[in-house]
Amino acid sequence: MCEINVILLSGENRERIMDSVARILVEGDTIQLTGILGDKMTVEGSIKEINFSRGEAIILSR
């Protein structure tokens, strides 16, 4: 299985908001993250980058 860590980028600040994310669902300006254990988090923003070799997704904060 391939999990990814999610980073929230707000200006110059980088905050790791969720580890081991198995699913990312985008609906407009809302991004729903689901972890491998079923935990969920919803953030507002847009995806800037998903880098599988580094194992991270970067979300730009609104």
PDB file of N, CA and C in Angstrom:
ATOM      1  N   MET A   1       0.840  -1.174   0.000  1.00  0.00           N
ATOM      2  CA  MET A   1       0.000   0.000   0.000  1.00  0.00           C
ATOM      3  C   MET A   1       0.890   1.244   0.000  1.00  0.00           C
ATOM      4  N   CYS A   2       0.389   2.288  -0.610  1.00  0.00           N
ATOM      5  CA  CYS A   2       1.154   3.521  -0.723  1.00  0.00           C
ATOM      6  C   CYS A   2       0.465   4.621   0.069  1.00  0.00           C
ATOM      7  N   GLU A   3       1.081   5.028   1.182  1.00  0.00           N
ATOM      8  CA  GLU A   3       0.543   6.122   1.979  1.00  0.00           C
ATOM      9  C   GLU A   3       1.374   7.373   1.737  1.00  0.00           C
ATOM     10  N   ILE A   4       0.757   8.502   2.058  1.00  0.00           N
ATOM     11  CA  ILE A   4       1.428   9.771   1.815  1.00  0.00           C
ATOM     12  C   ILE A   4       1.187  10.696   3.015  1.00  0.00           C
ATOM     13  N   ASN A   5       2.141  11.552   3.301  1.00  0.00           N
ATOM     14  CA  ASN A   5       2.003  12.552   4.353  1.00  0.00           C
ATOM     15  C   ASN A   5       1.536  13.854   3.716  1.00  0.00           C
ATOM     16  N   VAL A   6       0.682  14.588   4.418  1.00  0.00           N
ATOM     17  CA  VAL A   6       0.112  15.810   3.853  1.00  0.00           C
ATOM     18  C   VAL A   6       0.654  17.025   4.600  1.00  0.00           C
ATOM     19  N   ILE A   7       1.143  17.979   3.815  1.00  0.00           N
ATOM     20  CA  ILE A   7       1.714  19.225   4.322  1.00  0.00           C
ATOM     21  C   ILE A   7       0.781  20.367   3.932  1.00  0.00           C
ATOM     22  N   LEU A   8       0.441  21.232   4.903  1.00  0.00           N
ATOM     23  CA  LEU A   8      -0.347  22.424   4.626  1.00  0.00           C
ATOM     24  C   LEU A   8       0.611  23.603   4.530  1.00  0.00           C
ATOM     25  N   LEU A   9       0.592  24.283   3.393  1.00  0.00           N
ATOM     26  CA  LEU A   9       1.472  25.417   3.136  1.00  0.00           C
ATOM     27  C   LEU A   9       0.656  26.700   3.246  1.00  0.00           C
ATOM     28  N   SER A  10       1.042  27.549   4.203  1.00  0.00           N
ATOM     29  CA  SER A  10       0.373  28.823   4.420  1.00  0.00           C
ATOM     30  C   SER A  10       1.452  29.905   4.462  1.00  0.00           C
ATOM     31  N   GLY A  11       1.608  30.608   3.346  1.00  0.00           N
ATOM     32  CA  GLY A  11       2.714  31.565   3.239  1.00  0.00           C
ATOM     33  C   GLY A  11       4.035  30.825   3.270  1.00  0.00           C
ATOM     34  N   GLU A  12       4.887  31.142   4.229  1.00  0.00           N
ATOM     35  CA  GLU A  12       6.178  30.477   4.388  1.00  0.00           C
ATOM     36  C   GLU A  12       6.101  29.288   5.360  1.00  0.00           C
ATOM     37  N   ASN A  13       4.956  29.132   6.022  1.00  0.00           N
ATOM     38  CA  ASN A  13       4.799  28.071   7.028  1.00  0.00           C
ATOM     39  C   ASN A  13       4.401  26.748   6.399  1.00  0.00           C
ATOM     40  N   ARG A  14       5.134  25.700   6.765  1.00  0.00           N
ATOM     41  CA  ARG A  14       4.818  24.332   6.354  1.00  0.00           C
ATOM     42  C   ARG A  14       4.427  23.552   7.605  1.00  0.00           C
ATOM     43  N   GLU A  15       3.206  23.004   7.593  1.00  0.00           N
ATOM     44  CA  GLU A  15       2.731  22.241   8.746  1.00  0.00           C
ATOM     45  C   GLU A  15       2.278  20.860   8.282  1.00  0.00           C
ATOM     46  N   ARG A  16       2.854  19.840   8.875  1.00  0.00           N
ATOM     47  CA  ARG A  16       2.452  18.470   8.576  1.00  0.00           C
ATOM     48  C   ARG A  16       1.133  18.216   9.291  1.00  0.00           C
ATOM     49  N   ILE A  17       0.043  18.060   8.524  1.00  0.00           N
ATOM     50  CA  ILE A  17      -1.270  17.972   9.150  1.00  0.00           C
ATOM     51  C   ILE A  17      -1.801  16.548   9.267  1.00  0.00           C
ATOM     52  N   MET A  18      -1.273  15.620   8.465  1.00  0.00           N
ATOM     53  CA  MET A  18      -1.753  14.242   8.563  1.00  0.00           C
ATOM     54  C   MET A  18      -0.733  13.296   7.955  1.00  0.00           C
ATOM     55  N   ASP A  19      -0.503  12.186   8.650  1.00  0.00           N
ATOM     56  CA  ASP A  19       0.408  11.156   8.165  1.00  0.00           C
ATOM     57  C   ASP A  19      -0.381   9.949   7.668  1.00  0.00           C
ATOM     58  N   SER A  20       0.258   9.154   6.841  1.00  0.00           N
ATOM     59  CA  SER A  20      -0.299   7.883   6.359  1.00  0.00           C
ATOM     60  C   SER A  20      -1.676   8.043   5.732  1.00  0.00           C
ATOM     61  N   VAL A  21      -1.790   8.985   4.809  1.00  0.00           N
ATOM     62  CA  VAL A  21      -3.049   9.224   4.102  1.00  0.00           C
ATOM     63  C   VAL A  21      -3.161   8.231   2.945  1.00  0.00           C
ATOM     64  N   ALA A  22      -4.304   7.563   2.883  1.00  0.00           N
ATOM     65  CA  ALA A  22      -4.540   6.569   1.834  1.00  0.00           C
ATOM     66  C   ALA A  22      -5.445   7.100   0.725  1.00  0.00           C
ATOM     67  N   ARG A  23      -6.223   8.167   1.040  1.00  0.00           N
ATOM     68  CA  ARG A  23      -7.174   8.689   0.051  1.00  0.00           C
ATOM     69  C   ARG A  23      -7.273  10.198   0.180  1.00  0.00           C
ATOM     70  N   ILE A  24      -7.281  10.877  -0.977  1.00  0.00           N
ATOM     71  CA  ILE A  24      -7.479  12.328  -1.036  1.00  0.00           C
ATOM     72  C   ILE A  24      -8.631  12.576  -2.001  1.00  0.00           C
ATOM     73  N   LEU A  25      -9.681  13.236  -1.494  1.00  0.00           N
ATOM     74  CA  LEU A  25     -10.855  13.536  -2.303  1.00  0.00           C
ATOM     75  C   LEU A  25     -11.015  15.048  -2.380  1.00  0.00           C
ATOM     76  N   VAL A  26     -11.051  15.580  -3.611  1.00  0.00           N
ATOM     77  CA  VAL A  26     -11.176  17.026  -3.814  1.00  0.00           C
ATOM     78  C   VAL A  26     -12.582  17.331  -4.310  1.00  0.00           C
ATOM     79  N   GLU A  27     -13.245  18.252  -3.609  1.00  0.00           N
ATOM     80  CA  GLU A  27     -14.571  18.719  -4.016  1.00  0.00           C
ATOM     81  C   GLU A  27     -14.560  20.240  -3.936  1.00  0.00           C
ATOM     82  N   GLY A  28     -14.297  20.895  -5.053  1.00  0.00           N
ATOM     83  CA  GLY A  28     -14.192  22.355  -5.075  1.00  0.00           C
ATOM     84  C   GLY A  28     -12.989  22.810  -4.279  1.00  0.00           C
ATOM     85  N   ASP A  29     -13.219  23.665  -3.277  1.00  0.00           N
ATOM     86  CA  ASP A  29     -12.132  24.173  -2.438  1.00  0.00           C
ATOM     87  C   ASP A  29     -11.913  23.319  -1.192  1.00  0.00           C
ATOM     88  N   THR A  30     -12.633  22.213  -1.083  1.00  0.00           N
ATOM     89  CA  THR A  30     -12.539  21.342   0.083  1.00  0.00           C
ATOM     90  C   THR A  30     -11.794  20.065  -0.278  1.00  0.00           C
ATOM     91  N   ILE A  31     -10.865  19.682   0.599  1.00  0.00           N
ATOM     92  CA  ILE A  31     -10.080  18.469   0.388  1.00  0.00           C
ATOM     93  C   ILE A  31     -10.283  17.575   1.598  1.00  0.00           C
ATOM     94  N   GLN A  32     -10.788  16.360   1.354  1.00  0.00           N
ATOM     95  CA  GLN A  32     -11.000  15.406   2.431  1.00  0.00           C
ATOM     96  C   GLN A  32      -9.872  14.378   2.404  1.00  0.00           C
ATOM     97  N   LEU A  33      -9.217  14.223   3.552  1.00  0.00           N
ATOM     98  CA  LEU A  33      -8.110  13.287   3.696  1.00  0.00           C
ATOM     99  C   LEU A  33      -8.590  12.112   4.540  1.00  0.00           C
ATOM    100  N   THR A  34      -8.250  10.899   4.114  1.00  0.00           N
ATOM    101  CA  THR A  34      -8.605   9.702   4.872  1.00  0.00           C
ATOM    102  C   THR A  34      -7.341   8.902   5.120  1.00  0.00           C
ATOM    103  N   GLY A  35      -7.083   8.616   6.399  1.00  0.00           N
ATOM    104  CA  GLY A  35      -5.908   7.850   6.789  1.00  0.00           C
ATOM    105  C   GLY A  35      -6.118   6.360   6.641  1.00  0.00           C
ATOM    106  N   ILE A  36      -5.046   5.603   6.790  1.00  0.00           N
ATOM    107  CA  ILE A  36      -5.115   4.157   6.612  1.00  0.00           C
ATOM    108  C   ILE A  36      -5.971   3.480   7.683  1.00  0.00           C
ATOM    109  N   LEU A  37      -6.177   4.145   8.823  1.00  0.00           N
ATOM    110  CA  LEU A  37      -7.007   3.582   9.886  1.00  0.00           C
ATOM    111  C   LEU A  37      -8.428   4.137   9.863  1.00  0.00           C
ATOM    112  N   GLY A  38      -8.765   4.903   8.804  1.00  0.00           N
ATOM    113  CA  GLY A  38     -10.114   5.427   8.651  1.00  0.00           C
ATOM    114  C   GLY A  38     -10.335   6.802   9.245  1.00  0.00           C
ATOM    115  N   ASP A  39      -9.318   7.378   9.878  1.00  0.00           N
ATOM    116  CA  ASP A  39      -9.460   8.728  10.419  1.00  0.00           C
ATOM    117  C   ASP A  39      -9.583   9.719   9.264  1.00  0.00           C
ATOM    118  N   LYS A  40     -10.387  10.766   9.473  1.00  0.00           N
ATOM    119  CA  LYS A  40     -10.651  11.729   8.399  1.00  0.00           C
ATOM    120  C   LYS A  40     -10.375  13.150   8.864  1.00  0.00           C
ATOM    121  N   MET A  41     -10.000  13.972   7.890  1.00  0.00           N
ATOM    122  CA  MET A  41      -9.774  15.391   8.127  1.00  0.00           C
ATOM    123  C   MET A  41     -10.191  16.127   6.858  1.00  0.00           C
ATOM    124  N   THR A  42     -10.827  17.275   7.036  1.00  0.00           N
ATOM    125  CA  THR A  42     -11.218  18.100   5.898  1.00  0.00           C
ATOM    126  C   THR A  42     -10.522  19.447   6.020  1.00  0.00           C
ATOM    127  N   VAL A  43      -9.908  19.897   4.922  1.00  0.00           N
ATOM    128  CA  VAL A  43      -9.232  21.196   4.892  1.00  0.00           C
ATOM    129  C   VAL A  43      -9.700  21.966   3.663  1.00  0.00           C
ATOM    130  N   GLU A  44      -9.605  23.284   3.745  1.00  0.00           N
ATOM    131  CA  GLU A  44      -9.910  24.124   2.591  1.00  0.00           C
ATOM    132  C   GLU A  44      -8.605  24.555   1.961  1.00  0.00           C
ATOM    133  N   GLY A  45      -8.548  24.474   0.639  1.00  0.00           N
ATOM    134  CA  GLY A  45      -7.342  24.855  -0.075  1.00  0.00           C
ATOM    135  C   GLY A  45      -7.303  24.198  -1.435  1.00  0.00           C
ATOM    136  N   SER A  46      -6.114  24.166  -1.994  1.00  0.00           N
ATOM    137  CA  SER A  46      -5.919  23.524  -3.300  1.00  0.00           C
ATOM    138  C   SER A  46      -4.617  22.729  -3.264  1.00  0.00           C
ATOM    139  N   ILE A  47      -4.588  21.666  -4.029  1.00  0.00           N
ATOM    140  CA  ILE A  47      -3.391  20.833  -4.070  1.00  0.00           C
ATOM    141  C   ILE A  47      -2.352  21.509  -4.959  1.00  0.00           C
ATOM    142  N   LYS A  48      -1.186  21.728  -4.395  1.00  0.00           N
ATOM    143  CA  LYS A  48      -0.083  22.321  -5.150  1.00  0.00           C
ATOM    144  C   LYS A  48       0.744  21.227  -5.810  1.00  0.00           C
ATOM    145  N   GLU A  49       1.016  20.168  -5.055  1.00  0.00           N
ATOM    146  CA  GLU A  49       1.917  19.130  -5.567  1.00  0.00           C
ATOM    147  C   GLU A  49       1.672  17.819  -4.832  1.00  0.00           C
ATOM    148  N   ILE A  50       1.779  16.725  -5.570  1.00  0.00           N
ATOM    149  CA  ILE A  50       1.814  15.392  -4.968  1.00  0.00           C
ATOM    150  C   ILE A  50       3.105  14.754  -5.472  1.00  0.00           C
ATOM    151  N   ASN A  51       3.986  14.431  -4.545  1.00  0.00           N
ATOM    152  CA  ASN A  51       5.291  13.884  -4.891  1.00  0.00           C
ATOM    153  C   ASN A  51       5.407  12.489  -4.261  1.00  0.00           C
ATOM    154  N   PHE A  52       5.221  11.460  -5.068  1.00  0.00           N
ATOM    155  CA  PHE A  52       5.235  10.092  -4.556  1.00  0.00           C
ATOM    156  C   PHE A  52       6.631   9.648  -4.143  1.00  0.00           C
ATOM    157  N   SER A  53       7.667  10.158  -4.784  1.00  0.00           N
ATOM    158  CA  SER A  53       9.024   9.757  -4.406  1.00  0.00           C
ATOM    159  C   SER A  53       9.398  10.298  -3.029  1.00  0.00           C
ATOM    160  N   ARG A  54       8.838  11.440  -2.636  1.00  0.00           N
ATOM    161  CA  ARG A  54       9.066  11.997  -1.293  1.00  0.00           C
ATOM    162  C   ARG A  54       7.969  11.585  -0.319  1.00  0.00           C
ATOM    163  N   GLY A  55       6.897  11.005  -0.856  1.00  0.00           N
ATOM    164  CA  GLY A  55       5.805  10.550  -0.006  1.00  0.00           C
ATOM    165  C   GLY A  55       5.016  11.664   0.640  1.00  0.00           C
ATOM    166  N   GLU A  56       4.798  12.769  -0.139  1.00  0.00           N
ATOM    167  CA  GLU A  56       4.046  13.876   0.441  1.00  0.00           C
ATOM    168  C   GLU A  56       3.170  14.587  -0.580  1.00  0.00           C
ATOM    169  N   ALA A  57       2.092  15.144  -0.058  1.00  0.00           N
ATOM    170  CA  ALA A  57       1.196  16.000  -0.841  1.00  0.00           C
ATOM    171  C   ALA A  57       1.218  17.372  -0.162  1.00  0.00           C
ATOM    172  N   ILE A  58       1.299  18.424  -0.973  1.00  0.00           N
ATOM    173  CA  ILE A  58       1.331  19.786  -0.454  1.00  0.00           C
ATOM    174  C   ILE A  58       0.037  20.476  -0.822  1.00  0.00           C
ATOM    175  N   ILE A  59      -0.652  21.007   0.205  1.00  0.00           N
ATOM    176  CA  ILE A  59      -1.906  21.724   0.011  1.00  0.00           C
ATOM    177  C   ILE A  59      -1.670  23.190   0.330  1.00  0.00           C
ATOM    178  N   LEU A  60      -2.116  24.072  -0.579  1.00  0.00           N
ATOM    179  CA  LEU A  60      -2.038  25.521  -0.349  1.00  0.00           C
ATOM    180  C   LEU A  60      -3.261  25.928   0.444  1.00  0.00           C
ATOM    181  N   SER A  61      -3.049  26.565   1.587  1.00  0.00           N
ATOM    182  CA  SER A  61      -4.129  27.012   2.455  1.00  0.00           C
ATOM    183  C   SER A  61      -4.880  28.169   1.818  1.00  0.00           C
ATOM    184  N   ARG A  62      -6.179  28.258   2.085  1.00  0.00           N
ATOM    185  CA  ARG A  62      -7.009  29.390   1.617  1.00  0.00           C
ATOM    186  C   ARG A  62      -7.064  30.446   2.672  1.00  0.00           C
TER     187      ARG A  62
END
